[in-house]
Amino acid sequence: MAEAATVRARLVRARGARRRLRWQPASVIQTMARARARNLPPGAFAPVMATGIVSQGVAGLGARGPADALLAVAVVSYAGLLAGLVWRVVRYPRELAVCSETCVGRLRYLGVILYDPDKVGEAAAVTDEKDLYRAQLDCFLDPDDPAVARAAADSGIPDDWIEAARRSPVHALISRYRVALPLHREYRTMPMVWYVPPLSPVVDALTATGHDGEDPVNLFGAIDSLRIPLGYLAGLFTAGDPEPVEAALCRLAAMRSHMRRINLGEERDPAIAAAVGMDQDGIDAMYRLLALAKYEERYVIPTTYTAGSGGGTPTDSCSLDGDGLPGMMPYDLPGIDTFHTPPAPEPAGAGSGLAGRVNLLNWNGRGRPAGLFPRRDEETR
């Protein structure tokens, strides 16, 4: 009897082990799914976009069955990825990455822009919504202007930040080439995330009608008949004003025609760049920035930052300089009255010039701490 009981106990333990082994793969899969969802980048949606594009192309060829199958795959994949992204946002809200590093877009740019804070309120309060785009452009300053650079230095902006503003790709796309546009200007939030509007495929459509799709005249004239309507893009970027959107698309089309002539070994035509208010060197520079720029050219930000005290007072004194503490010296020594006197602060344009400024890396985003913005000089008002 004892041996039979022992055998039954062993069988029960073996069954329990098999049961545990049977459920172990499920737990491993669940753990892997959670890890994937936690590290899910926005770029994971790119296959869904590609599947949808292929589905549209197959449908255009008349194959409805494969097109519907691809569309179903895209819908199911999108639902799963969206559920994982929502779970990640809810479960790990502090681990979201910067959009400019992880968005699905082909190229991203990050840079410094100098602006006049006194004009921001006035620009956001313009009466006509169609004037918001130009009003925000007027807030931006030219870092290559010596007067602007001198005023920035006097305001306490370090030299490396001024130099980064000069090399900023964002400033070039927004103010120099005018091909980047803000999203939904009508909300008056003065957004600082700008987009280059898409130049929809129009060459094939022109060629199909018997015209030269690469001819600049035909290409500029076809801007109004793009696959994405010009009015729709204007509603996204410029509060319904189509003129800035059309100008940006024309510059992109001019760059396309200009570079095509170069790649084919044809003679350059300065009239192409002049038609959009640019020169040939500007077209070449814009092409390099949009197509050939390396990471260090697209992400131009200062790599060092000297934090200030945040309270507007010098912090060069020792924390042990208190009555009875080791930092204090005997009172009968010569020069004791001036030994513990804090040094005079440097002028705004000397050194780092960041005394009294707030280190944004340590700011929790709440309230308006002292030193968040440069103090105005009462004498210059």
Protein backbone atom coordinates (compact mmCIF):
# COMPACT_ATOMS: atom_id res chain seq x y z
CA MET A 1 0.00 0.00 0.00
CA ALA A 2 2.80 2.37 0.86
CA GLU A 3 4.49 1.71 -2.48
CA ALA A 4 1.20 2.28 -4.35
CA ALA A 5 0.67 5.56 -2.53
CA THR A 6 4.21 6.61 -3.40
CA VAL A 7 3.65 5.79 -7.08
CA ARG A 8 0.37 7.75 -7.11
CA ALA A 9 2.12 10.75 -5.48
CA ARG A 10 4.82 10.62 -8.13
CA LEU A 11 2.22 10.48 -10.88
CA VAL A 12 0.42 13.48 -9.43
CA ARG A 13 3.67 15.43 -9.24
CA ALA A 14 4.53 14.46 -12.81
CA ARG A 15 1.10 15.58 -14.03
CA GLY A 16 1.52 18.86 -12.18
CA ALA A 17 4.94 19.35 -13.77
CA ARG A 18 3.52 18.64 -17.21
CA ARG A 19 0.68 21.09 -16.48
CA ARG A 20 3.16 23.75 -15.49
CA LEU A 21 5.26 23.08 -18.56
CA ARG A 22 2.14 23.30 -20.69
CA TRP A 23 1.35 26.82 -19.42
CA GLN A 24 4.92 28.08 -19.40
CA PRO A 25 5.09 28.99 -23.12
CA ALA A 26 1.97 31.10 -22.76
CA SER A 27 3.56 33.09 -19.93
CA VAL A 28 6.73 33.56 -22.00
CA ILE A 29 4.71 34.83 -24.94
CA GLN A 30 2.79 37.17 -22.66
CA THR A 31 6.02 38.55 -21.21
CA MET A 32 7.49 39.05 -24.67
CA ALA A 33 4.32 40.80 -25.84
CA ARG A 34 4.47 43.18 -22.90
CA ALA A 35 8.12 43.92 -23.59
CA ARG A 36 7.39 44.58 -27.27
CA ALA A 37 4.46 46.84 -26.39
CA ARG A 38 6.55 48.73 -23.86
CA ASN A 39 9.22 49.46 -26.47
CA LEU A 40 6.76 49.91 -29.33
CA PRO A 41 8.00 52.80 -31.52
CA PRO A 42 5.64 54.88 -33.67
CA GLY A 43 7.59 53.59 -36.66
CA ALA A 44 5.97 50.20 -36.11
CA PHE A 45 2.94 51.55 -37.96
CA ALA A 46 4.99 51.87 -41.16
CA PRO A 47 4.18 48.31 -42.36
CA VAL A 48 0.48 49.12 -41.96
CA MET A 49 0.93 52.17 -44.15
CA ALA A 50 2.90 50.17 -46.72
CA THR A 51 0.26 47.43 -46.78
CA GLY A 52 -2.46 50.02 -47.33
CA ILE A 53 -0.49 51.61 -50.18
CA VAL A 54 0.04 48.24 -51.85
CA SER A 55 -3.65 47.48 -51.39
CA GLN A 56 -4.56 50.71 -53.17
CA GLY A 57 -2.15 49.93 -56.00
CA VAL A 58 -3.51 46.40 -56.44
CA ALA A 59 -7.06 47.75 -56.42
CA GLY A 60 -6.07 50.21 -59.14
CA LEU A 61 -5.02 47.24 -61.30
CA GLY A 62 -8.47 45.73 -60.91
CA ALA A 63 -7.55 42.85 -58.57
CA ARG A 64 -10.19 43.38 -55.93
CA GLY A 65 -9.65 40.05 -54.14
CA PRO A 66 -5.96 40.53 -53.25
CA ALA A 67 -6.62 44.22 -52.52
CA ASP A 68 -9.35 43.38 -50.00
CA ALA A 69 -7.12 40.73 -48.40
CA LEU A 70 -4.26 43.22 -47.99
CA LEU A 71 -6.68 45.80 -46.62
CA ALA A 72 -7.95 43.30 -44.05
CA VAL A 73 -4.36 42.55 -42.98
CA ALA A 74 -3.68 46.27 -42.62
CA VAL A 75 -6.83 46.83 -40.54
CA VAL A 76 -6.08 43.91 -38.19
CA SER A 77 -2.44 44.99 -37.81
CA TYR A 78 -3.47 48.57 -37.17
CA ALA A 79 -5.93 47.50 -34.45
CA GLY A 80 -3.29 45.39 -32.72
CA LEU A 81 -0.61 48.08 -32.88
CA LEU A 82 -3.05 50.73 -31.71
CA ALA A 83 -4.04 48.60 -28.72
CA GLY A 84 -0.36 48.09 -27.86
CA LEU A 85 0.37 51.78 -28.19
CA VAL A 86 -2.57 52.74 -25.96
CA TRP A 87 -1.43 50.19 -23.37
CA ARG A 88 2.07 51.61 -23.47
CA VAL A 89 0.87 55.19 -23.01
CA VAL A 90 -1.32 54.20 -20.06
CA ARG A 91 1.20 51.84 -18.46
CA TYR A 92 4.44 53.75 -19.13
CA PRO A 93 3.52 57.42 -19.71
CA ARG A 94 7.00 58.70 -18.85
CA GLU A 95 8.85 56.53 -21.38
CA LEU A 96 7.51 58.14 -24.55
CA ALA A 97 10.28 59.21 -26.92
CA VAL A 98 10.68 62.51 -28.71
CA CYS A 99 8.61 62.67 -31.89
CA SER A 100 11.49 64.01 -33.96
CA GLU A 101 13.49 60.85 -33.13
CA THR A 102 10.81 58.19 -33.65
CA CYS A 103 8.12 59.48 -36.02
CA VAL A 104 7.35 57.58 -39.19
CA GLY A 105 8.37 60.49 -41.43
CA ARG A 106 11.24 59.97 -43.85
CA LEU A 107 13.51 62.71 -42.47
CA ARG A 108 13.33 64.64 -39.23
CA TYR A 109 15.06 67.85 -38.21
CA LEU A 110 15.74 69.44 -34.83
CA GLY A 111 17.30 72.82 -34.29
CA VAL A 112 17.38 76.13 -32.45
CA ILE A 113 15.40 79.21 -33.45
CA LEU A 114 15.84 82.71 -32.05
CA TYR A 115 12.61 84.64 -31.64
CA ASP A 116 11.30 87.86 -30.15
CA PRO A 117 9.08 86.99 -27.14
CA ASP A 118 7.51 90.45 -27.20
CA LYS A 119 5.90 89.68 -30.57
CA VAL A 120 4.40 86.29 -29.67
CA GLY A 121 1.25 87.62 -28.02
CA GLU A 122 0.65 90.10 -30.81
CA ALA A 123 1.15 87.41 -33.46
CA ALA A 124 -1.29 85.02 -31.78
CA ALA A 125 -3.95 87.74 -31.53
CA VAL A 126 -4.16 88.77 -35.18
CA THR A 127 -7.74 89.13 -36.36
CA ASP A 128 -7.59 87.22 -39.64
CA GLU A 129 -6.63 83.55 -39.26
CA LYS A 130 -4.89 83.60 -42.63
CA ASP A 131 -2.41 86.14 -41.26
CA LEU A 132 -1.28 83.82 -38.44
CA TYR A 133 1.41 82.10 -40.52
CA ARG A 134 3.11 85.33 -41.57
CA ALA A 135 2.71 86.78 -38.07
CA GLN A 136 4.59 83.84 -36.57
CA LEU A 137 7.33 84.18 -39.18
CA ASP A 138 7.77 87.79 -38.08
CA CYS A 139 8.55 86.56 -34.55
CA PHE A 140 11.63 84.65 -35.74
CA LEU A 141 14.97 86.44 -35.82
CA ASP A 142 17.87 86.05 -38.23
CA PRO A 143 20.86 84.64 -36.30
CA ASP A 144 23.21 85.80 -39.07
CA ASP A 145 22.28 89.42 -38.34
CA PRO A 146 25.08 90.90 -36.17
CA ALA A 147 22.56 93.03 -34.26
CA VAL A 148 20.47 89.94 -33.43
CA ALA A 149 23.54 87.97 -32.32
CA ARG A 150 24.71 90.85 -30.15
CA ALA A 151 21.26 91.24 -28.54
CA ALA A 152 21.10 87.48 -27.92
CA ALA A 153 24.47 87.54 -26.19
CA ASP A 154 23.39 90.53 -24.10
CA SER A 155 20.29 88.55 -23.07
CA GLY A 156 22.46 85.77 -21.65
CA ILE A 157 22.20 83.27 -24.52
CA PRO A 158 25.49 81.32 -24.74
CA ASP A 159 27.65 81.53 -27.83
CA ASP A 160 27.19 77.84 -28.68
CA TRP A 161 23.41 78.31 -28.79
CA ILE A 162 23.78 81.30 -31.11
CA GLU A 163 26.08 79.28 -33.35
CA ALA A 164 23.57 76.41 -33.31
CA ALA A 165 20.85 78.84 -34.38
CA ARG A 166 22.99 79.89 -37.35
CA ARG A 167 23.37 76.25 -38.45
CA SER A 168 19.81 75.28 -37.53
CA PRO A 169 18.12 73.19 -40.27
CA VAL A 170 14.74 74.14 -38.82
CA HIS A 171 15.46 77.84 -39.31
CA ALA A 172 16.56 77.14 -42.89
CA LEU A 173 13.42 75.17 -43.79
CA ILE A 174 11.08 77.65 -42.11
CA SER A 175 12.52 81.09 -42.76
CA ARG A 176 15.11 80.72 -45.50
CA TYR A 177 13.54 78.26 -47.94
CA ARG A 178 9.91 78.63 -46.74
CA VAL A 179 9.02 74.98 -47.40
CA ALA A 180 8.08 74.00 -43.81
CA LEU A 181 4.64 74.94 -42.49
CA PRO A 182 3.02 74.74 -39.02
CA LEU A 183 0.07 72.49 -38.27
CA HIS A 184 -3.37 74.02 -37.63
CA ARG A 185 -2.51 77.67 -37.22
CA GLU A 186 -6.16 78.48 -36.49
CA TYR A 187 -5.77 77.11 -32.94
CA ARG A 188 -3.41 80.03 -32.19
CA THR A 189 -1.07 77.84 -30.14
CA MET A 190 2.02 79.03 -32.07
CA PRO A 191 3.22 75.46 -32.76
CA MET A 192 6.93 74.77 -33.11
CA VAL A 193 6.54 71.42 -34.90
CA TRP A 194 6.59 72.21 -38.62
CA TYR A 195 6.02 69.97 -41.63
CA VAL A 196 7.14 69.95 -45.26
CA PRO A 197 3.98 69.37 -47.35
CA PRO A 198 4.03 66.34 -49.67
CA LEU A 199 4.57 66.80 -53.39
CA SER A 200 2.14 64.18 -54.70
CA PRO A 201 3.07 62.17 -57.82
CA VAL A 202 2.10 64.43 -60.68
CA VAL A 203 4.71 63.66 -63.34
CA ASP A 204 3.04 60.43 -64.46
CA ALA A 205 -0.33 62.16 -64.65
CA LEU A 206 1.12 64.87 -66.90
CA THR A 207 2.93 62.33 -69.05
CA ALA A 208 -0.27 60.32 -69.50
CA THR A 209 -1.95 63.39 -70.98
CA GLY A 210 0.81 63.84 -73.55
CA HIS A 211 2.72 66.62 -71.76
CA ASP A 212 6.31 66.68 -70.56
CA GLY A 213 5.94 65.94 -66.86
CA GLU A 214 9.40 67.28 -66.04
CA ASP A 215 8.97 70.61 -67.80
CA PRO A 216 8.97 73.33 -65.11
CA VAL A 217 6.11 75.24 -66.71
CA ASN A 218 3.88 72.16 -66.85
CA LEU A 219 4.95 71.07 -63.38
CA PHE A 220 4.16 74.43 -61.77
CA GLY A 221 0.82 74.56 -63.55
CA ALA A 222 -0.14 71.12 -62.25
CA ILE A 223 0.32 72.04 -58.58
CA ASP A 224 -3.40 72.82 -58.33
CA SER A 225 -4.32 69.32 -59.57
CA LEU A 226 -2.23 67.25 -57.15
CA ARG A 227 -3.62 64.03 -55.74
CA ILE A 228 -3.86 65.73 -52.34
CA PRO A 229 -5.99 68.86 -52.97
CA LEU A 230 -4.28 72.17 -52.34
CA GLY A 231 -7.26 73.38 -50.31
CA TYR A 232 -6.95 70.38 -48.00
CA LEU A 233 -3.27 71.10 -47.33
CA ALA A 234 -4.09 74.77 -46.75
CA GLY A 235 -6.67 73.73 -44.15
CA LEU A 236 -4.01 71.69 -42.36
CA PHE A 237 -1.13 74.15 -42.38
CA THR A 238 -2.13 77.74 -43.05
CA ALA A 239 -5.72 78.15 -41.77
CA GLY A 240 -7.13 77.93 -45.29
CA ASP A 241 -4.68 80.24 -47.05
CA PRO A 242 -3.43 78.33 -50.15
CA GLU A 243 -0.73 80.83 -51.15
CA PRO A 244 2.04 79.70 -48.71
CA VAL A 245 1.31 76.04 -49.44
CA GLU A 246 1.42 76.57 -53.18
CA ALA A 247 4.67 78.53 -52.86
CA ALA A 248 6.26 75.70 -50.83
CA LEU A 249 5.14 73.06 -53.34
CA CYS A 250 6.45 75.15 -56.23
CA ARG A 251 9.86 75.39 -54.57
CA LEU A 252 9.92 71.61 -54.13
CA ALA A 253 8.91 71.16 -57.77
CA ALA A 254 11.60 73.61 -58.87
CA MET A 255 14.19 71.66 -56.89
CA ARG A 256 13.04 68.47 -58.63
CA SER A 257 13.37 69.99 -62.11
CA HIS A 258 16.70 71.63 -61.28
CA MET A 259 18.28 68.42 -59.98
CA ARG A 260 16.89 66.41 -62.91
CA ARG A 261 18.78 68.61 -65.37
CA ILE A 262 21.97 68.16 -63.33
CA ASN A 263 21.59 64.36 -63.14
CA LEU A 264 21.00 64.15 -66.90
CA GLY A 265 24.05 66.29 -67.64
CA GLU A 266 22.00 69.10 -69.13
CA GLU A 267 22.83 72.77 -68.81
CA ARG A 268 21.49 74.48 -65.74
CA ASP A 269 18.58 76.83 -66.23
CA PRO A 270 18.69 79.76 -63.77
CA ALA A 271 15.10 80.63 -64.70
CA ILE A 272 13.84 77.60 -62.75
CA ALA A 273 15.19 78.90 -59.44
CA ALA A 274 14.26 82.49 -60.27
CA ALA A 275 10.66 81.44 -60.91
CA VAL A 276 10.26 80.57 -57.22
CA GLY A 277 12.30 83.46 -55.83
CA MET A 278 15.53 81.50 -55.26
CA ASP A 279 18.94 81.17 -56.86
CA GLN A 280 20.79 78.07 -58.01
CA ASP A 281 23.00 77.92 -54.91
CA GLY A 282 19.91 78.09 -52.72
CA ILE A 283 18.30 75.25 -54.66
CA ASP A 284 21.45 73.14 -54.26
CA ALA A 285 21.63 73.86 -50.52
CA MET A 286 17.95 73.00 -50.05
CA TYR A 287 18.40 69.75 -51.97
CA ARG A 288 21.34 68.75 -49.78
CA LEU A 289 19.39 69.49 -46.62
CA LEU A 290 16.31 67.58 -47.75
CA ALA A 291 18.01 64.62 -49.43
CA LEU A 292 21.67 64.22 -48.46
CA ALA A 293 22.10 65.74 -45.00
CA LYS A 294 23.69 63.50 -42.37
CA TYR A 295 22.45 63.13 -38.82
CA GLU A 296 24.68 65.90 -37.44
CA GLU A 297 23.32 68.29 -40.08
CA ARG A 298 19.68 67.47 -39.34
CA TYR A 299 20.03 67.51 -35.53
CA VAL A 300 21.90 70.69 -34.65
CA ILE A 301 21.57 71.31 -30.92
CA PRO A 302 24.16 72.40 -28.34
CA THR A 303 25.73 69.50 -26.47
CA THR A 304 26.65 71.41 -23.31
CA TYR A 305 24.69 73.49 -20.85
CA THR A 306 25.93 75.41 -17.82
CA ALA A 307 23.15 75.47 -15.25
CA GLY A 308 22.55 78.60 -13.21
CA SER A 309 21.37 78.87 -9.64
CA GLY A 310 17.72 79.42 -10.59
CA GLY A 311 17.23 82.02 -7.91
CA GLY A 312 19.03 85.04 -9.29
CA THR A 313 21.76 85.04 -6.61
CA PRO A 314 25.42 83.92 -6.86
CA THR A 315 26.17 80.42 -5.61
CA ASP A 316 29.95 80.57 -5.44
CA SER A 317 30.04 80.59 -1.63
CA CYS A 318 30.69 77.41 0.37
CA SER A 319 27.75 75.62 1.97
CA LEU A 320 29.77 75.30 5.18
CA ASP A 321 30.24 79.06 5.54
CA GLY A 322 27.99 79.43 8.55
CA ASP A 323 28.47 80.40 12.15
CA GLY A 324 30.34 77.65 13.96
CA LEU A 325 30.81 75.52 10.82
CA PRO A 326 34.18 74.32 9.46
CA GLY A 327 34.05 76.79 6.58
CA MET A 328 34.40 79.77 8.93
CA MET A 329 37.81 81.21 9.82
CA PRO A 330 38.80 82.99 13.03
CA TYR A 331 37.51 86.53 13.10
CA ASP A 332 40.88 88.05 13.99
CA LEU A 333 42.57 87.15 10.70
CA PRO A 334 43.39 89.98 8.27
CA GLY A 335 40.87 90.45 5.45
CA ILE A 336 38.20 88.33 7.11
CA ASP A 337 35.52 90.94 6.31
CA THR A 338 35.94 90.50 2.58
CA PHE A 339 36.93 86.81 2.44
CA HIS A 340 33.37 85.47 2.51
CA THR A 341 31.90 88.20 0.33
CA PRO A 342 30.37 86.58 -2.79
CA PRO A 343 32.07 87.65 -6.01
CA ALA A 344 30.34 90.20 -8.19
CA PRO A 345 28.23 88.60 -10.94
CA GLU A 346 29.61 88.71 -14.45
CA PRO A 347 28.00 91.01 -17.01
CA ALA A 348 25.36 89.48 -19.27
CA GLY A 349 27.64 89.14 -22.26
CA ALA A 350 30.65 87.62 -20.49
CA GLY A 351 31.29 83.95 -19.87
CA SER A 352 28.26 81.71 -19.95
CA GLY A 353 25.92 84.52 -18.84
CA LEU A 354 23.44 82.04 -17.36
CA ALA A 355 23.44 83.12 -13.72
CA GLY A 356 19.90 83.17 -12.46
CA ARG A 357 18.54 81.03 -15.32
CA VAL A 358 16.56 77.84 -14.83
CA ASN A 359 17.91 74.47 -15.92
CA LEU A 360 15.02 73.05 -17.96
CA LEU A 361 16.30 69.52 -17.36
CA ASN A 362 15.34 69.88 -13.69
CA TRP A 363 12.05 71.73 -14.24
CA ASN A 364 8.86 69.71 -13.65
CA GLY A 365 6.87 71.78 -16.14
CA ARG A 366 4.62 73.36 -13.53
CA GLY A 367 4.29 77.04 -12.82
CA ARG A 368 6.67 79.76 -13.96
CA PRO A 369 9.84 79.69 -11.84
CA ALA A 370 12.04 82.73 -11.53
CA GLY A 371 14.65 82.81 -14.25
CA LEU A 372 12.59 80.89 -16.82
CA PHE A 373 12.71 83.93 -19.11
CA PRO A 374 15.44 86.60 -19.29
CA ARG A 375 14.72 89.64 -17.17
CA ARG A 376 14.04 92.84 -19.07
CA ASP A 377 16.38 95.73 -18.69
CA GLU A 378 14.30 98.60 -17.36
CA GLU A 379 16.58 101.12 -19.02
CA THR A 380 15.95 99.75 -22.50
CA ARG A 381 12.13 99.81 -22.31
